[in-house]
Amino acid sequence: MPSIIDLLDQLKEAGVLISGEALLVQKAADAEYWPGVVLTQSLVGRNAGIRFERVSPMEPSNEQLLAILRGYPFEPQEAKTFVDNVMTVSSTILVASSGPARSVLDRLTADERVELDTWSKTAERSSTGAVNLMEWPGWAQVHERIQQSGFAG
């Protein structure tokens, strides 16, 4: 049976940051079914400092994470729940400007809003029914457009 260390190493290689790894491994060592510990800690471990975070909104993708988990003794629903609870590291850099704060959604063009709305209607939903808008493939183009415009907006 593959070990929790193998899983954590593979997740890290894929681009998942793991906080509280030593505590997680310790909890798993005391368990008969370590995948259950990993799943539980992905759900409730944040208060203890155990976190699984993607290094970017798009990487690793849900599909990449599910492919990794298929090599370990997770039930399909357990794997999906784990993937739904891998958070995205917030690496936003704020640039101060005069005027009221604005959401990045305010910077979308009318066409980009239509594309995002259309995509969100068919996007994969989490176990709670939510759609992760950060997975929209159009963000790279929006970012490039905003960069080219010199953050004006």
C-alpha atoms as a PDB file:
ATOM      1  CA  MET A   1       0.000   0.000   0.000  1.00  0.00           C
ATOM      2  CA  PRO A   2       1.447   3.414  -0.913  1.00  0.00           C
ATOM      3  CA  SER A   3       2.242   5.595   2.078  1.00  0.00           C
ATOM      4  CA  ILE A   4       1.042   9.022   3.128  1.00  0.00           C
ATOM      5  CA  ILE A   5       4.606  10.290   2.601  1.00  0.00           C
ATOM      6  CA  ASP A   6       4.441   9.146  -1.039  1.00  0.00           C
ATOM      7  CA  LEU A   7       1.127  10.981  -1.475  1.00  0.00           C
ATOM      8  CA  LEU A   8       2.381  14.196   0.130  1.00  0.00           C
ATOM      9  CA  ASP A   9       5.549  14.138  -1.981  1.00  0.00           C
ATOM     10  CA  GLN A  10       3.520  13.663  -5.151  1.00  0.00           C
ATOM     11  CA  LEU A  11       1.113  16.477  -4.205  1.00  0.00           C
ATOM     12  CA  LYS A  12       4.053  18.816  -3.534  1.00  0.00           C
ATOM     13  CA  GLU A  13       5.665  17.915  -6.868  1.00  0.00           C
ATOM     14  CA  ALA A  14       2.370  18.807  -8.569  1.00  0.00           C
ATOM     15  CA  GLY A  15       2.307  22.247  -6.933  1.00  0.00           C
ATOM     16  CA  VAL A  16       0.374  21.802  -3.688  1.00  0.00           C
ATOM     17  CA  LEU A  17       1.789  23.587  -0.649  1.00  0.00           C
ATOM     18  CA  ILE A  18       1.222  21.569   2.506  1.00  0.00           C
ATOM     19  CA  SER A  19       1.265  23.343   5.865  1.00  0.00           C
ATOM     20  CA  GLY A  20       1.363  21.328   9.078  1.00  0.00           C
ATOM     21  CA  GLU A  21       2.785  18.304   7.300  1.00  0.00           C
ATOM     22  CA  ALA A  22       4.482  16.854  10.398  1.00  0.00           C
ATOM     23  CA  LEU A  23       1.241  17.022  12.388  1.00  0.00           C
ATOM     24  CA  LEU A  24      -0.693  15.432   9.523  1.00  0.00           C
ATOM     25  CA  VAL A  25       1.800  12.558   9.252  1.00  0.00           C
ATOM     26  CA  GLN A  26       1.640  12.050  13.019  1.00  0.00           C
ATOM     27  CA  LYS A  27      -2.176  11.894  12.980  1.00  0.00           C
ATOM     28  CA  ALA A  28      -2.105   9.475  10.029  1.00  0.00           C
ATOM     29  CA  ALA A  29       0.431   7.216  11.775  1.00  0.00           C
ATOM     30  CA  ASP A  30      -2.080   6.621  14.575  1.00  0.00           C
ATOM     31  CA  ALA A  31      -4.919   5.759  12.186  1.00  0.00           C
ATOM     32  CA  GLU A  32      -5.923   2.452  10.664  1.00  0.00           C
ATOM     33  CA  TYR A  33      -7.058   4.189   7.436  1.00  0.00           C
ATOM     34  CA  TRP A  34      -4.713   7.119   6.749  1.00  0.00           C
ATOM     35  CA  PRO A  35      -6.607   8.396   3.663  1.00  0.00           C
ATOM     36  CA  GLY A  36      -9.512   9.163   6.009  1.00  0.00           C
ATOM     37  CA  VAL A  37      -7.197  11.299   8.129  1.00  0.00           C
ATOM     38  CA  VAL A  38      -5.993  13.189   5.046  1.00  0.00           C
ATOM     39  CA  LEU A  39      -9.585  13.792   3.960  1.00  0.00           C
ATOM     40  CA  THR A  40     -10.716  14.900   7.429  1.00  0.00           C
ATOM     41  CA  GLN A  41      -7.769  17.248   7.828  1.00  0.00           C
ATOM     42  CA  SER A  42      -8.428  18.803   4.404  1.00  0.00           C
ATOM     43  CA  LEU A  43     -11.867  19.673   5.761  1.00  0.00           C
ATOM     44  CA  VAL A  44     -11.164  20.714   9.363  1.00  0.00           C
ATOM     45  CA  GLY A  45      -7.389  20.876   9.801  1.00  0.00           C
ATOM     46  CA  ARG A  46      -7.013  24.595   9.098  1.00  0.00           C
ATOM     47  CA  ASN A  47      -7.522  25.465  12.773  1.00  0.00           C
ATOM     48  CA  ALA A  48      -4.620  23.145  13.639  1.00  0.00           C
ATOM     49  CA  GLY A  49      -2.456  24.624  10.871  1.00  0.00           C
ATOM     50  CA  ILE A  50      -2.946  21.809   8.354  1.00  0.00           C
ATOM     51  CA  ARG A  51      -3.615  23.250   4.909  1.00  0.00           C
ATOM     52  CA  PHE A  52      -3.439  22.080   1.329  1.00  0.00           C
ATOM     53  CA  GLU A  53      -3.032  25.017  -1.064  1.00  0.00           C
ATOM     54  CA  ARG A  54      -2.535  25.298  -4.818  1.00  0.00           C
ATOM     55  CA  VAL A  55       0.316  27.559  -5.845  1.00  0.00           C
ATOM     56  CA  SER A  56      -1.871  29.180  -8.490  1.00  0.00           C
ATOM     57  CA  PRO A  57      -5.569  29.237  -9.396  1.00  0.00           C
ATOM     58  CA  MET A  58      -5.023  26.915 -12.361  1.00  0.00           C
ATOM     59  CA  GLU A  59      -2.266  24.579 -11.130  1.00  0.00           C
ATOM     60  CA  PRO A  60      -2.540  21.867 -10.281  1.00  0.00           C
ATOM     61  CA  SER A  61      -5.925  21.353 -11.885  1.00  0.00           C
ATOM     62  CA  ASN A  62      -8.680  19.281 -10.291  1.00  0.00           C
ATOM     63  CA  GLU A  63      -8.032  16.622 -12.913  1.00  0.00           C
ATOM     64  CA  GLN A  64      -4.328  16.479 -12.044  1.00  0.00           C
ATOM     65  CA  LEU A  65      -5.115  16.096  -8.348  1.00  0.00           C
ATOM     66  CA  LEU A  66      -7.719  13.392  -8.996  1.00  0.00           C
ATOM     67  CA  ALA A  67      -5.204  11.507 -11.157  1.00  0.00           C
ATOM     68  CA  ILE A  68      -2.719  11.547  -8.261  1.00  0.00           C
ATOM     69  CA  LEU A  69      -5.325  10.355  -5.768  1.00  0.00           C
ATOM     70  CA  ARG A  70      -6.304   7.444  -8.016  1.00  0.00           C
ATOM     71  CA  GLY A  71      -2.948   5.901  -7.122  1.00  0.00           C
ATOM     72  CA  TYR A  72      -3.925   5.751  -3.443  1.00  0.00           C
ATOM     73  CA  PRO A  73      -6.733   4.015  -1.519  1.00  0.00           C
ATOM     74  CA  PHE A  74      -9.241   6.880  -1.672  1.00  0.00           C
ATOM     75  CA  GLU A  75     -12.848   6.192  -2.618  1.00  0.00           C
ATOM     76  CA  PRO A  76     -13.908   8.354  -5.612  1.00  0.00           C
ATOM     77  CA  GLN A  77     -16.117  10.633  -3.474  1.00  0.00           C
ATOM     78  CA  GLU A  78     -13.342  11.009  -0.892  1.00  0.00           C
ATOM     79  CA  ALA A  79     -10.931  12.060  -3.640  1.00  0.00           C
ATOM     80  CA  LYS A  80     -13.400  14.620  -5.017  1.00  0.00           C
ATOM     81  CA  THR A  81     -14.050  16.041  -1.553  1.00  0.00           C
ATOM     82  CA  PHE A  82     -10.313  16.332  -0.905  1.00  0.00           C
ATOM     83  CA  VAL A  83      -9.767  18.137  -4.226  1.00  0.00           C
ATOM     84  CA  ASP A  84     -12.649  20.512  -3.471  1.00  0.00           C
ATOM     85  CA  ASN A  85     -10.847  21.471  -0.248  1.00  0.00           C
ATOM     86  CA  VAL A  86      -7.426  22.226  -1.719  1.00  0.00           C
ATOM     87  CA  MET A  87      -7.402  25.992  -1.456  1.00  0.00           C
ATOM     88  CA  THR A  88      -5.662  28.507  -3.729  1.00  0.00           C
ATOM     89  CA  VAL A  89      -2.813  30.526  -2.250  1.00  0.00           C
ATOM     90  CA  SER A  90      -3.659  34.181  -2.423  1.00  0.00           C
ATOM     91  CA  SER A  91      -0.768  35.923  -4.107  1.00  0.00           C
ATOM     92  CA  THR A  92      -2.520  39.105  -5.116  1.00  0.00           C
ATOM     93  CA  ILE A  93      -0.408  42.234  -5.210  1.00  0.00           C
ATOM     94  CA  LEU A  94      -2.408  45.341  -4.481  1.00  0.00           C
ATOM     95  CA  VAL A  95      -1.511  48.514  -6.282  1.00  0.00           C
ATOM     96  CA  ALA A  96      -2.849  51.570  -4.544  1.00  0.00           C
ATOM     97  CA  SER A  97      -4.680  54.171  -6.531  1.00  0.00           C
ATOM     98  CA  SER A  98      -6.987  57.004  -5.735  1.00  0.00           C
ATOM     99  CA  GLY A  99     -10.680  56.342  -5.662  1.00  0.00           C
ATOM    100  CA  PRO A 100     -12.807  53.544  -4.289  1.00  0.00           C
ATOM    101  CA  ALA A 101     -11.619  49.943  -4.198  1.00  0.00           C
ATOM    102  CA  ARG A 102     -12.733  47.844  -7.163  1.00  0.00           C
ATOM    103  CA  SER A 103     -13.157  44.163  -7.767  1.00  0.00           C
ATOM    104  CA  VAL A 104     -11.332  42.516 -10.656  1.00  0.00           C
ATOM    105  CA  LEU A 105     -14.838  41.692 -11.940  1.00  0.00           C
ATOM    106  CA  ASP A 106     -15.315  45.440 -12.430  1.00  0.00           C
ATOM    107  CA  ARG A 107     -12.425  45.351 -14.900  1.00  0.00           C
ATOM    108  CA  LEU A 108     -14.004  42.730 -17.173  1.00  0.00           C
ATOM    109  CA  THR A 109     -15.242  43.930 -20.525  1.00  0.00           C
ATOM    110  CA  ALA A 110     -18.850  43.230 -21.465  1.00  0.00           C
ATOM    111  CA  ASP A 111     -17.716  40.344 -23.682  1.00  0.00           C
ATOM    112  CA  GLU A 112     -15.552  38.880 -20.897  1.00  0.00           C
ATOM    113  CA  ARG A 113     -18.497  39.032 -18.492  1.00  0.00           C
ATOM    114  CA  VAL A 114     -20.668  37.150 -20.981  1.00  0.00           C
ATOM    115  CA  GLU A 115     -17.922  34.525 -21.447  1.00  0.00           C
ATOM    116  CA  LEU A 116     -17.495  34.116 -17.674  1.00  0.00           C
ATOM    117  CA  ASP A 117     -21.245  33.833 -17.170  1.00  0.00           C
ATOM    118  CA  THR A 118     -21.590  31.279 -19.966  1.00  0.00           C
ATOM    119  CA  TRP A 119     -18.666  29.228 -18.641  1.00  0.00           C
ATOM    120  CA  SER A 120     -19.992  29.306 -15.060  1.00  0.00           C
ATOM    121  CA  LYS A 121     -23.276  27.727 -16.130  1.00  0.00           C
ATOM    122  CA  THR A 122     -21.483  24.568 -17.308  1.00  0.00           C
ATOM    123  CA  ALA A 123     -18.489  24.544 -14.929  1.00  0.00           C
ATOM    124  CA  GLU A 124     -17.861  21.757 -12.438  1.00  0.00           C
ATOM    125  CA  ARG A 125     -19.531  22.424  -9.099  1.00  0.00           C
ATOM    126  CA  SER A 126     -18.169  21.644  -5.651  1.00  0.00           C
ATOM    127  CA  SER A 127     -19.995  19.365  -3.242  1.00  0.00           C
ATOM    128  CA  THR A 128     -21.805  22.464  -1.945  1.00  0.00           C
ATOM    129  CA  GLY A 129     -22.908  23.496  -5.447  1.00  0.00           C
ATOM    130  CA  ALA A 130     -20.467  26.408  -5.714  1.00  0.00           C
ATOM    131  CA  VAL A 131     -18.515  27.242  -8.859  1.00  0.00           C
ATOM    132  CA  ASN A 132     -14.891  28.285  -8.407  1.00  0.00           C
ATOM    133  CA  LEU A 133     -14.681  31.304 -10.704  1.00  0.00           C
ATOM    134  CA  MET A 134     -10.881  31.269 -10.372  1.00  0.00           C
ATOM    135  CA  GLU A 135     -10.880  28.198 -12.656  1.00  0.00           C
ATOM    136  CA  TRP A 136     -12.323  30.171 -15.588  1.00  0.00           C
ATOM    137  CA  PRO A 137      -9.863  29.729 -18.484  1.00  0.00           C
ATOM    138  CA  GLY A 138     -10.297  33.379 -19.537  1.00  0.00           C
ATOM    139  CA  TRP A 139      -8.444  34.859 -16.560  1.00  0.00           C
ATOM    140  CA  ALA A 140      -5.057  34.658 -18.301  1.00  0.00           C
ATOM    141  CA  GLN A 141      -6.335  36.814 -21.169  1.00  0.00           C
ATOM    142  CA  VAL A 142      -7.941  39.287 -18.751  1.00  0.00           C
ATOM    143  CA  HIS A 143      -4.680  39.533 -16.824  1.00  0.00           C
ATOM    144  CA  GLU A 144      -2.728  40.134 -20.020  1.00  0.00           C
ATOM    145  CA  ARG A 145      -5.177  42.824 -21.171  1.00  0.00           C
ATOM    146  CA  ILE A 146      -5.009  44.594 -17.791  1.00  0.00           C
ATOM    147  CA  GLN A 147      -1.186  44.401 -17.796  1.00  0.00           C
ATOM    148  CA  GLN A 148      -1.036  45.891 -21.300  1.00  0.00           C
ATOM    149  CA  SER A 149      -3.332  48.718 -20.285  1.00  0.00           C
ATOM    150  CA  GLY A 150      -0.958  49.675 -17.457  1.00  0.00           C
ATOM    151  CA  PHE A 151      -3.459  48.878 -14.693  1.00  0.00           C
ATOM    152  CA  ALA A 152      -5.642  51.733 -15.850  1.00  0.00           C
ATOM    153  CA  GLY A 153      -9.149  51.125 -15.424  1.00  0.00           C
END
